[in-house]
C-alpha atoms as a PDB file:
ATOM      1  CA  MET A   1      -5.988   4.650  -5.851  1.00  0.00           C
ATOM      2  CA  LYS A   2      -8.268   7.573  -5.206  1.00  0.00           C
ATOM      3  CA  GLU A   3     -11.752   8.766  -6.100  1.00  0.00           C
ATOM      4  CA  LEU A   4     -12.381   9.254  -9.852  1.00  0.00           C
ATOM      5  CA  ASP A   5      -9.488   6.978 -10.882  1.00  0.00           C
ATOM      6  CA  ILE A   6     -10.231   4.543 -13.709  1.00  0.00           C
ATOM      7  CA  VAL A   7      -9.645   0.934 -12.643  1.00  0.00           C
ATOM      8  CA  ARG A   8      -9.935  -2.586 -14.067  1.00  0.00           C
ATOM      9  CA  LEU A   9     -10.824  -5.839 -12.292  1.00  0.00           C
ATOM     10  CA  LYS A  10      -7.880  -8.252 -12.010  1.00  0.00           C
ATOM     11  CA  GLU A  11     -10.239 -11.212 -11.476  1.00  0.00           C
ATOM     12  CA  ASP A  12     -13.952 -11.989 -11.608  1.00  0.00           C
ATOM     13  CA  TYR A  13     -15.800 -10.432  -8.672  1.00  0.00           C
ATOM     14  CA  LYS A  14     -19.445 -11.069  -7.838  1.00  0.00           C
ATOM     15  CA  GLU A  15     -21.319 -10.706 -11.165  1.00  0.00           C
ATOM     16  CA  ILE A  16     -18.581  -8.587 -12.807  1.00  0.00           C
ATOM     17  CA  SER A  17     -16.041 -10.199 -15.172  1.00  0.00           C
ATOM     18  CA  LYS A  18     -12.271  -9.843 -15.057  1.00  0.00           C
ATOM     19  CA  GLY A  19     -11.068  -6.923 -17.189  1.00  0.00           C
ATOM     20  CA  THR A  20     -14.195  -4.799 -16.699  1.00  0.00           C
ATOM     21  CA  LYS A  21     -13.353  -1.110 -16.240  1.00  0.00           C
ATOM     22  CA  GLY A  22     -14.888   1.234 -13.750  1.00  0.00           C
ATOM     23  CA  THR A  23     -14.484   4.463 -11.802  1.00  0.00           C
ATOM     24  CA  VAL A  24     -13.753   4.693  -8.094  1.00  0.00           C
ATOM     25  CA  VAL A  25     -16.643   6.737  -6.688  1.00  0.00           C
ATOM     26  CA  LEU A  26     -15.921   6.391  -2.948  1.00  0.00           C
ATOM     27  CA  LEU A  27     -13.001   5.196  -0.827  1.00  0.00           C
ATOM     28  CA  TYR A  28     -14.135   3.510   2.384  1.00  0.00           C
ATOM     29  CA  ASP A  29     -10.691   2.847   3.846  1.00  0.00           C
ATOM     30  CA  ASP A  30      -7.310   1.531   2.707  1.00  0.00           C
ATOM     31  CA  LYS A  31      -8.823  -1.842   1.716  1.00  0.00           C
ATOM     32  CA  ASN A  32     -12.231  -1.210   0.091  1.00  0.00           C
ATOM     33  CA  CYS A  33     -13.891   1.198  -2.270  1.00  0.00           C
ATOM     34  CA  GLU A  34     -17.115   1.696  -4.210  1.00  0.00           C
ATOM     35  CA  VAL A  35     -16.672   1.263  -7.977  1.00  0.00           C
ATOM     36  CA  GLU A  36     -19.113   2.067 -10.766  1.00  0.00           C
ATOM     37  CA  PHE A  37     -18.440  -0.535 -13.473  1.00  0.00           C
ATOM     38  CA  PHE A  38     -19.229   0.116 -17.157  1.00  0.00           C
ATOM     39  CA  ASP A  39     -19.784  -2.027 -20.238  1.00  0.00           C
ATOM     40  CA  LYS A  40     -18.028  -1.353 -23.572  1.00  0.00           C
ATOM     41  CA  GLU A  41     -20.776   1.090 -24.608  1.00  0.00           C
ATOM     42  CA  GLY A  42     -20.230   3.145 -21.444  1.00  0.00           C
ATOM     43  CA  ASP A  43     -23.456   2.071 -19.743  1.00  0.00           C
ATOM     44  CA  THR A  44     -23.367   1.342 -16.026  1.00  0.00           C
ATOM     45  CA  ILE A  45     -23.365  -2.354 -15.140  1.00  0.00           C
ATOM     46  CA  ASP A  46     -23.472  -1.911 -11.363  1.00  0.00           C
ATOM     47  CA  VAL A  47     -21.992   0.005  -8.442  1.00  0.00           C
ATOM     48  CA  VAL A  48     -20.188  -2.456  -6.178  1.00  0.00           C
ATOM     49  CA  MET A  49     -18.138  -2.328  -2.980  1.00  0.00           C
ATOM     50  CA  THR A  50     -14.839  -3.812  -4.157  1.00  0.00           C
ATOM     51  CA  PRO A  51     -11.609  -4.714  -2.348  1.00  0.00           C
ATOM     52  CA  LEU A  52      -8.727  -2.595  -3.655  1.00  0.00           C
ATOM     53  CA  LYS A  53      -6.573  -5.730  -4.042  1.00  0.00           C
ATOM     54  CA  LYS A  54      -8.921  -6.915  -6.834  1.00  0.00           C
ATOM     55  CA  LEU A  55      -8.325  -3.731  -8.877  1.00  0.00           C
ATOM     56  CA  GLU A  56      -5.537  -2.382 -11.030  1.00  0.00           C
ATOM     57  CA  LEU A  57      -5.136   1.292 -11.872  1.00  0.00           C
ATOM     58  CA  VAL A  58      -5.767   2.225 -15.522  1.00  0.00           C
ATOM     59  CA  LYS A  59      -5.693   6.027 -15.286  1.00  0.00           C
ATOM     60  CA  SER A  60      -5.233   8.351 -12.326  1.00  0.00           C
ATOM     61  CA  PHE A  61      -6.914  11.745 -12.098  1.00  0.00           C
END
């Protein structure tokens, strides 16, 4: 995964539910990234440091 890729949570993480989509906004290293998660209306839920292993790639840019 890389910055600007669209991802989806594979499991609940912190306050964000499994299946929630987001955009990778910053890669920290090969294990963690910052993701901006969105609701179904496209509004930001939160920006969260997320382990890459909890994400699946939806669309690569």
